[in-house]
Amino acid sequence: MKKFTKIIFILLGISISIYSYASIRVTKAINKNDQEITKLLNIDKECSNLNTYEKEIICIKSIQDAQLDLIEDTECRGKFINLGSIEVISKNTACCFDRSRITEQALQIYGFQVRHVHLNQTANRGYFNLLIKGSSSHAVTEVLTSRGWL
């Protein structure tokens, strides 16, 4: 019986790991729609010639502000979404995961390295909250500047 329980826990751990990886993985690939969204941000002036940390910060803040101005509503678009899709612009609504992805796309187009960060509340059920529908979560972007990750 001990061996059977151990196998069940191993299979459960592997399943949760695969599910977590597949469900929160965000591609870094840039496509034509991503470039169109970035053009709509209209931040070429602020994001050209990024040869100092101060200019990097101006560019990063400009991208953040521009996407907030471009997409007015903050409602999420629903389940099984295409992150960074032109659909965000069409519906004029985006919550944290869309905004984070649009920010990442723009940052990459202007030469930055980025990391997509998915945060989950773990207070009640620990990491099992990843499996609970409607548990609190948030998406953010980390960007590599000349002085490190921000």
N, C-alpha and C. Protein backbone atom coordinates (compact mmCIF):
# COMPACT_ATOMS: atom_id res chain seq x y z
N MET A 1 0.82 -1.20 0.00
CA MET A 1 0.00 0.00 0.00
C MET A 1 0.87 1.28 0.00
N LYS A 2 2.00 1.26 0.72
CA LYS A 2 2.90 2.41 0.75
C LYS A 2 3.43 2.74 -0.63
N LYS A 3 3.80 1.70 -1.37
CA LYS A 3 4.33 1.89 -2.70
C LYS A 3 3.28 2.50 -3.62
N PHE A 4 2.04 2.05 -3.52
CA PHE A 4 0.94 2.57 -4.32
C PHE A 4 0.71 4.05 -4.00
N THR A 5 0.72 4.41 -2.73
CA THR A 5 0.53 5.81 -2.32
C THR A 5 1.66 6.68 -2.85
N LYS A 6 2.87 6.17 -2.78
CA LYS A 6 4.02 6.92 -3.30
C LYS A 6 3.88 7.16 -4.80
N ILE A 7 3.45 6.15 -5.54
CA ILE A 7 3.26 6.29 -6.99
C ILE A 7 2.18 7.32 -7.28
N ILE A 8 1.10 7.30 -6.53
CA ILE A 8 0.01 8.27 -6.71
C ILE A 8 0.53 9.69 -6.50
N PHE A 9 1.29 9.91 -5.45
CA PHE A 9 1.83 11.25 -5.17
C PHE A 9 2.82 11.69 -6.24
N ILE A 10 3.61 10.78 -6.74
CA ILE A 10 4.55 11.11 -7.81
C ILE A 10 3.79 11.50 -9.08
N LEU A 11 2.78 10.70 -9.44
CA LEU A 11 1.97 11.01 -10.62
C LEU A 11 1.22 12.33 -10.45
N LEU A 12 0.71 12.58 -9.26
CA LEU A 12 0.02 13.84 -8.97
C LEU A 12 0.99 15.01 -9.12
N GLY A 13 2.19 14.86 -8.59
CA GLY A 13 3.20 15.92 -8.70
C GLY A 13 3.59 16.20 -10.14
N ILE A 14 3.78 15.15 -10.91
CA ILE A 14 4.12 15.31 -12.33
C ILE A 14 2.97 15.98 -13.07
N SER A 15 1.75 15.54 -12.80
CA SER A 15 0.57 16.12 -13.47
C SER A 15 0.41 17.60 -13.15
N ILE A 16 0.57 17.96 -11.89
CA ILE A 16 0.45 19.37 -11.49
C ILE A 16 1.55 20.20 -12.14
N SER A 17 2.76 19.65 -12.21
CA SER A 17 3.87 20.37 -12.84
C SER A 17 3.60 20.62 -14.32
N ILE A 18 3.15 19.59 -15.02
CA ILE A 18 2.86 19.73 -16.45
C ILE A 18 1.72 20.71 -16.66
N TYR A 19 0.66 20.58 -15.86
CA TYR A 19 -0.49 21.50 -15.97
C TYR A 19 -0.05 22.94 -15.72
N SER A 20 0.72 23.14 -14.68
CA SER A 20 1.18 24.50 -14.33
C SER A 20 2.02 25.09 -15.45
N TYR A 21 2.95 24.32 -15.97
CA TYR A 21 3.80 24.80 -17.05
C TYR A 21 2.98 25.14 -18.29
N ALA A 22 2.09 24.26 -18.67
CA ALA A 22 1.30 24.46 -19.89
C ALA A 22 0.30 25.60 -19.73
N SER A 23 -0.27 25.76 -18.55
CA SER A 23 -1.33 26.76 -18.39
C SER A 23 -0.81 28.17 -18.19
N ILE A 24 0.39 28.34 -17.67
CA ILE A 24 0.88 29.70 -17.43
C ILE A 24 2.05 30.09 -18.32
N ARG A 25 2.45 29.20 -19.22
CA ARG A 25 3.55 29.51 -20.12
C ARG A 25 3.11 30.58 -21.13
N VAL A 26 3.92 31.57 -21.30
CA VAL A 26 3.62 32.66 -22.24
C VAL A 26 4.76 32.73 -23.26
N THR A 27 4.38 32.69 -24.53
CA THR A 27 5.39 32.73 -25.58
C THR A 27 6.03 34.12 -25.67
N LYS A 28 7.28 34.14 -26.08
CA LYS A 28 7.97 35.41 -26.28
C LYS A 28 8.06 35.76 -27.76
N ALA A 29 7.49 34.92 -28.61
CA ALA A 29 7.53 35.16 -30.05
C ALA A 29 6.75 36.44 -30.39
N ILE A 30 7.28 37.19 -31.33
CA ILE A 30 6.65 38.43 -31.80
C ILE A 30 6.09 38.16 -33.19
N ASN A 31 4.81 38.49 -33.39
CA ASN A 31 4.22 38.30 -34.71
C ASN A 31 3.77 39.65 -35.28
N LYS A 32 3.17 39.61 -36.44
CA LYS A 32 2.74 40.83 -37.15
C LYS A 32 1.76 41.66 -36.31
N ASN A 33 0.80 40.98 -35.67
CA ASN A 33 -0.17 41.70 -34.83
C ASN A 33 0.51 42.40 -33.66
N ASP A 34 1.51 41.74 -33.08
CA ASP A 34 2.25 42.33 -31.96
C ASP A 34 2.94 43.62 -32.40
N GLN A 35 3.51 43.60 -33.59
CA GLN A 35 4.17 44.80 -34.10
C GLN A 35 3.16 45.91 -34.37
N GLU A 36 1.97 45.55 -34.81
CA GLU A 36 0.92 46.55 -35.05
C GLU A 36 0.48 47.20 -33.75
N ILE A 37 0.31 46.40 -32.72
CA ILE A 37 -0.08 46.94 -31.41
C ILE A 37 1.00 47.89 -30.91
N THR A 38 2.26 47.50 -31.06
CA THR A 38 3.36 48.36 -30.60
C THR A 38 3.38 49.68 -31.36
N LYS A 39 3.09 49.64 -32.66
CA LYS A 39 3.02 50.89 -33.43
C LYS A 39 1.93 51.81 -32.88
N LEU A 40 0.82 51.24 -32.46
CA LEU A 40 -0.28 52.04 -31.91
C LEU A 40 0.10 52.74 -30.60
N LEU A 41 1.09 52.21 -29.92
CA LEU A 41 1.55 52.84 -28.67
C LEU A 41 2.23 54.18 -28.92
N ASN A 42 2.78 54.34 -30.14
CA ASN A 42 3.39 55.61 -30.55
C ASN A 42 4.48 56.07 -29.58
N ILE A 43 5.47 55.21 -29.38
CA ILE A 43 6.54 55.52 -28.42
C ILE A 43 7.93 55.42 -29.06
N ASP A 44 7.99 55.52 -30.37
CA ASP A 44 9.30 55.44 -31.05
C ASP A 44 10.28 56.50 -30.54
N LYS A 45 9.80 57.71 -30.36
CA LYS A 45 10.68 58.80 -29.91
C LYS A 45 11.29 58.48 -28.54
N GLU A 46 10.47 57.99 -27.62
CA GLU A 46 10.94 57.71 -26.26
C GLU A 46 11.82 56.46 -26.18
N CYS A 47 11.68 55.57 -27.16
CA CYS A 47 12.38 54.29 -27.09
C CYS A 47 13.49 54.13 -28.13
N SER A 48 13.92 55.23 -28.72
CA SER A 48 15.05 55.15 -29.65
C SER A 48 16.32 55.58 -28.92
N ASN A 49 17.44 55.09 -29.39
CA ASN A 49 18.74 55.45 -28.83
C ASN A 49 18.81 55.21 -27.32
N LEU A 50 18.60 53.97 -26.91
CA LEU A 50 18.58 53.61 -25.49
C LEU A 50 20.00 53.32 -24.99
N ASN A 51 20.81 54.37 -24.89
CA ASN A 51 22.21 54.19 -24.53
C ASN A 51 22.53 54.53 -23.08
N THR A 52 21.52 54.88 -22.29
CA THR A 52 21.73 55.12 -20.86
C THR A 52 20.58 54.49 -20.07
N TYR A 53 20.83 54.26 -18.81
CA TYR A 53 19.80 53.70 -17.93
C TYR A 53 18.60 54.64 -17.85
N GLU A 54 18.86 55.91 -17.79
CA GLU A 54 17.78 56.90 -17.70
C GLU A 54 16.87 56.83 -18.93
N LYS A 55 17.47 56.66 -20.11
CA LYS A 55 16.66 56.54 -21.34
C LYS A 55 15.88 55.23 -21.36
N GLU A 56 16.48 54.19 -20.80
CA GLU A 56 15.75 52.91 -20.69
C GLU A 56 14.50 53.09 -19.83
N ILE A 57 14.66 53.76 -18.70
CA ILE A 57 13.54 53.98 -17.79
C ILE A 57 12.46 54.83 -18.46
N ILE A 58 12.85 55.85 -19.19
CA ILE A 58 11.86 56.67 -19.91
C ILE A 58 11.08 55.81 -20.90
N CYS A 59 11.78 54.95 -21.62
CA CYS A 59 11.13 54.06 -22.59
C CYS A 59 10.16 53.12 -21.87
N ILE A 60 10.60 52.48 -20.82
CA ILE A 60 9.76 51.53 -20.08
C ILE A 60 8.50 52.22 -19.55
N LYS A 61 8.68 53.38 -18.94
CA LYS A 61 7.51 54.12 -18.41
C LYS A 61 6.59 54.57 -19.55
N SER A 62 7.16 54.94 -20.67
CA SER A 62 6.35 55.37 -21.82
C SER A 62 5.49 54.22 -22.34
N ILE A 63 6.07 53.04 -22.39
CA ILE A 63 5.31 51.86 -22.83
C ILE A 63 4.17 51.58 -21.85
N GLN A 64 4.47 51.63 -20.57
CA GLN A 64 3.43 51.39 -19.56
C GLN A 64 2.30 52.41 -19.70
N ASP A 65 2.65 53.66 -19.78
CA ASP A 65 1.63 54.71 -19.88
C ASP A 65 0.85 54.62 -21.19
N ALA A 66 1.54 54.33 -22.29
CA ALA A 66 0.88 54.28 -23.59
C ALA A 66 -0.14 53.16 -23.67
N GLN A 67 0.17 52.00 -23.13
CA GLN A 67 -0.80 50.91 -23.18
C GLN A 67 -1.98 51.20 -22.26
N LEU A 68 -1.76 51.89 -21.14
CA LEU A 68 -2.87 52.29 -20.28
C LEU A 68 -3.78 53.29 -20.97
N ASP A 69 -3.20 54.21 -21.74
CA ASP A 69 -3.99 55.20 -22.48
C ASP A 69 -4.69 54.58 -23.68
N LEU A 70 -4.03 53.64 -24.35
CA LEU A 70 -4.57 53.05 -25.57
C LEU A 70 -5.78 52.15 -25.29
N ILE A 71 -5.72 51.38 -24.21
CA ILE A 71 -6.78 50.42 -23.87
C ILE A 71 -7.45 50.92 -22.60
N GLU A 72 -8.67 51.42 -22.75
CA GLU A 72 -9.34 52.13 -21.67
C GLU A 72 -9.91 51.22 -20.58
N ASP A 73 -10.58 50.13 -20.97
CA ASP A 73 -11.27 49.29 -20.00
C ASP A 73 -10.30 48.31 -19.34
N THR A 74 -10.63 47.88 -18.13
CA THR A 74 -9.75 46.97 -17.39
C THR A 74 -10.36 45.59 -17.17
N GLU A 75 -11.48 45.29 -17.83
CA GLU A 75 -12.11 43.99 -17.70
C GLU A 75 -11.32 42.93 -18.46
N CYS A 76 -11.27 41.72 -17.92
CA CYS A 76 -10.63 40.61 -18.62
C CYS A 76 -11.52 40.16 -19.77
N ARG A 77 -10.89 39.64 -20.81
CA ARG A 77 -11.63 39.25 -22.01
C ARG A 77 -12.23 37.85 -21.92
N GLY A 78 -11.89 37.07 -20.95
CA GLY A 78 -12.48 35.75 -20.82
C GLY A 78 -11.47 34.64 -20.85
N LYS A 79 -11.97 33.42 -21.05
CA LYS A 79 -11.15 32.21 -20.98
C LYS A 79 -10.44 31.94 -22.31
N PHE A 80 -9.37 31.17 -22.22
CA PHE A 80 -8.64 30.67 -23.38
C PHE A 80 -8.33 31.78 -24.38
N ILE A 81 -7.71 32.79 -23.87
CA ILE A 81 -7.43 33.98 -24.69
C ILE A 81 -6.12 33.84 -25.42
N ASN A 82 -5.97 34.64 -26.45
CA ASN A 82 -4.72 34.73 -27.18
C ASN A 82 -3.99 35.95 -26.63
N LEU A 83 -2.98 35.72 -25.83
CA LEU A 83 -2.27 36.84 -25.21
C LEU A 83 -1.62 37.72 -26.26
N GLY A 84 -1.82 39.02 -26.12
CA GLY A 84 -1.20 39.97 -27.03
C GLY A 84 -1.94 40.12 -28.33
N SER A 85 -3.09 39.52 -28.41
CA SER A 85 -3.86 39.53 -29.65
C SER A 85 -4.35 40.93 -29.99
N ILE A 86 -4.55 41.15 -31.28
CA ILE A 86 -5.15 42.39 -31.76
C ILE A 86 -6.58 42.51 -31.23
N GLU A 87 -7.13 41.39 -30.76
CA GLU A 87 -8.46 41.37 -30.14
C GLU A 87 -8.53 42.34 -28.96
N VAL A 88 -7.43 42.52 -28.27
CA VAL A 88 -7.37 43.46 -27.14
C VAL A 88 -7.74 44.86 -27.63
N ILE A 89 -7.18 45.25 -28.75
CA ILE A 89 -7.45 46.58 -29.30
C ILE A 89 -8.89 46.67 -29.78
N SER A 90 -9.36 45.63 -30.45
CA SER A 90 -10.73 45.62 -30.97
C SER A 90 -11.76 45.75 -29.86
N LYS A 91 -11.55 45.05 -28.76
CA LYS A 91 -12.51 45.08 -27.65
C LYS A 91 -12.25 46.23 -26.69
N ASN A 92 -11.08 46.87 -26.81
CA ASN A 92 -10.70 48.00 -25.96
C ASN A 92 -10.80 47.66 -24.48
N THR A 93 -10.38 46.45 -24.15
CA THR A 93 -10.36 46.04 -22.75
C THR A 93 -9.20 45.07 -22.52
N ALA A 94 -8.59 45.19 -21.36
CA ALA A 94 -7.47 44.31 -21.01
C ALA A 94 -7.25 44.34 -19.51
N CYS A 95 -6.98 43.18 -18.96
CA CYS A 95 -6.58 43.15 -17.55
C CYS A 95 -5.09 42.82 -17.48
N CYS A 96 -4.61 42.44 -16.33
CA CYS A 96 -3.17 42.35 -16.10
C CYS A 96 -2.43 41.47 -17.10
N PHE A 97 -2.96 40.32 -17.45
CA PHE A 97 -2.20 39.42 -18.34
C PHE A 97 -2.06 39.99 -19.73
N ASP A 98 -3.11 40.65 -20.25
CA ASP A 98 -2.99 41.29 -21.56
C ASP A 98 -2.03 42.47 -21.51
N ARG A 99 -2.17 43.29 -20.49
CA ARG A 99 -1.32 44.48 -20.37
C ARG A 99 0.15 44.08 -20.20
N SER A 100 0.37 43.05 -19.41
CA SER A 100 1.74 42.57 -19.22
C SER A 100 2.32 42.06 -20.54
N ARG A 101 1.52 41.32 -21.28
CA ARG A 101 2.01 40.77 -22.54
C ARG A 101 2.26 41.86 -23.57
N ILE A 102 1.37 42.84 -23.67
CA ILE A 102 1.59 43.96 -24.61
C ILE A 102 2.86 44.72 -24.23
N THR A 103 3.06 44.92 -22.94
CA THR A 103 4.27 45.59 -22.46
C THR A 103 5.51 44.77 -22.84
N GLU A 104 5.44 43.47 -22.65
CA GLU A 104 6.57 42.59 -23.00
C GLU A 104 6.87 42.65 -24.50
N GLN A 105 5.83 42.62 -25.31
CA GLN A 105 6.04 42.66 -26.76
C GLN A 105 6.74 43.94 -27.17
N ALA A 106 6.25 45.06 -26.66
CA ALA A 106 6.85 46.34 -27.01
C ALA A 106 8.30 46.40 -26.52
N LEU A 107 8.53 45.98 -25.30
CA LEU A 107 9.89 46.00 -24.77
C LEU A 107 10.84 45.15 -25.63
N GLN A 108 10.38 43.99 -26.05
CA GLN A 108 11.22 43.12 -26.89
C GLN A 108 11.49 43.77 -28.25
N ILE A 109 10.48 44.39 -28.82
CA ILE A 109 10.66 45.06 -30.12
C ILE A 109 11.71 46.16 -30.01
N TYR A 110 11.80 46.80 -28.85
CA TYR A 110 12.81 47.84 -28.65
C TYR A 110 14.11 47.31 -28.06
N GLY A 111 14.28 45.99 -28.07
CA GLY A 111 15.57 45.38 -27.75
C GLY A 111 15.77 44.90 -26.32
N PHE A 112 14.76 44.96 -25.50
CA PHE A 112 14.90 44.51 -24.11
C PHE A 112 14.65 43.01 -24.01
N GLN A 113 15.25 42.40 -23.00
CA GLN A 113 14.91 41.03 -22.61
C GLN A 113 13.84 41.13 -21.54
N VAL A 114 12.88 40.22 -21.58
CA VAL A 114 11.77 40.27 -20.62
C VAL A 114 11.51 38.90 -20.01
N ARG A 115 10.83 38.92 -18.86
CA ARG A 115 10.34 37.69 -18.23
C ARG A 115 8.89 37.94 -17.85
N HIS A 116 8.03 36.98 -18.17
CA HIS A 116 6.62 37.05 -17.79
C HIS A 116 6.49 36.39 -16.42
N VAL A 117 5.89 37.08 -15.48
CA VAL A 117 5.77 36.56 -14.13
C VAL A 117 4.29 36.37 -13.81
N HIS A 118 3.95 35.17 -13.37
CA HIS A 118 2.59 34.82 -13.00
C HIS A 118 2.58 34.61 -11.49
N LEU A 119 1.81 35.42 -10.77
CA LEU A 119 1.77 35.35 -9.31
C LEU A 119 0.43 34.78 -8.86
N ASN A 120 0.47 33.85 -7.93
CA ASN A 120 -0.75 33.27 -7.39
C ASN A 120 -0.76 33.42 -5.88
N GLN A 121 -1.95 33.69 -5.35
CA GLN A 121 -2.10 33.73 -3.91
C GLN A 121 -1.99 32.30 -3.38
N THR A 122 -1.20 32.12 -2.34
CA THR A 122 -1.02 30.78 -1.79
C THR A 122 -1.41 30.70 -0.31
N ALA A 123 -2.06 31.71 0.22
CA ALA A 123 -2.36 31.76 1.65
C ALA A 123 -3.25 30.60 2.12
N ASN A 124 -4.32 30.29 1.41
CA ASN A 124 -5.27 29.30 1.89
C ASN A 124 -4.87 27.86 1.61
N ARG A 125 -4.56 27.57 0.35
CA ARG A 125 -4.32 26.19 -0.07
C ARG A 125 -2.91 25.98 -0.61
N GLY A 126 -2.04 26.93 -0.43
CA GLY A 126 -0.69 26.80 -0.96
C GLY A 126 -0.69 26.77 -2.47
N TYR A 127 0.16 25.94 -3.04
CA TYR A 127 0.28 25.87 -4.49
C TYR A 127 -0.92 25.19 -5.15
N PHE A 128 -1.78 24.56 -4.36
CA PHE A 128 -3.00 23.96 -4.93
C PHE A 128 -3.94 25.03 -5.47
N ASN A 129 -3.73 26.29 -5.08
CA ASN A 129 -4.54 27.38 -5.63
C ASN A 129 -4.40 27.48 -7.14
N LEU A 130 -3.30 26.98 -7.70
CA LEU A 130 -3.13 26.95 -9.15
C LEU A 130 -4.24 26.15 -9.82
N LEU A 131 -4.80 25.20 -9.10
CA LEU A 131 -5.82 24.31 -9.65
C LEU A 131 -7.24 24.77 -9.36
N ILE A 132 -7.40 25.79 -8.54
CA ILE A 132 -8.71 26.26 -8.12
C ILE A 132 -9.18 27.40 -9.01
N LYS A 133 -10.32 27.20 -9.65
CA LYS A 133 -10.88 28.24 -10.52
C LYS A 133 -11.22 29.48 -9.69
N GLY A 134 -10.85 30.64 -10.21
CA GLY A 134 -11.17 31.90 -9.55
C GLY A 134 -10.23 32.30 -8.43
N SER A 135 -9.15 31.55 -8.19
CA SER A 135 -8.21 31.96 -7.14
C SER A 135 -7.45 33.20 -7.60
N SER A 136 -7.08 34.02 -6.66
CA SER A 136 -6.43 35.28 -6.97
C SER A 136 -5.09 35.07 -7.65
N SER A 137 -4.87 35.82 -8.74
CA SER A 137 -3.59 35.75 -9.44
C SER A 137 -3.33 37.10 -10.10
N HIS A 138 -2.11 37.27 -10.56
CA HIS A 138 -1.73 38.52 -11.20
C HIS A 138 -0.57 38.23 -12.15
N ALA A 139 -0.49 38.99 -13.22
CA ALA A 139 0.61 38.84 -14.18
C ALA A 139 1.38 40.15 -14.24
N VAL A 140 2.69 40.05 -14.27
CA VAL A 140 3.55 41.23 -14.36
C VAL A 140 4.72 40.93 -15.30
N THR A 141 5.45 41.96 -15.63
CA THR A 141 6.60 41.83 -16.53
C THR A 141 7.86 42.27 -15.81
N GLU A 142 8.93 41.52 -15.99
CA GLU A 142 10.25 41.95 -15.55
C GLU A 142 11.03 42.27 -16.83
N VAL A 143 11.83 43.32 -16.75
CA VAL A 143 12.62 43.75 -17.90
C VAL A 143 14.07 43.89 -17.47
N LEU A 144 14.97 43.44 -18.34
CA LEU A 144 16.40 43.54 -18.06
C LEU A 144 16.92 44.88 -18.57
N THR A 145 17.36 45.71 -17.63
CA THR A 145 17.94 47.01 -17.99
C THR A 145 19.46 46.90 -17.87
N SER A 146 20.13 47.97 -18.19
CA SER A 146 21.60 47.98 -18.07
C SER A 146 22.05 47.87 -16.62
N ARG A 147 21.15 48.06 -15.67
CA ARG A 147 21.47 47.92 -14.25
C ARG A 147 20.83 46.70 -13.61
N GLY A 148 20.31 45.80 -14.42
CA GLY A 148 19.72 44.56 -13.88
C GLY A 148 18.21 44.50 -14.11
N TRP A 149 17.61 43.46 -13.53
CA TRP A 149 16.18 43.23 -13.70
C TRP A 149 15.35 44.22 -12.92
N LEU A 150 14.29 44.67 -13.57
CA LEU A 150 13.38 45.66 -12.97
C LEU A 150 11.98 45.14 -13.10
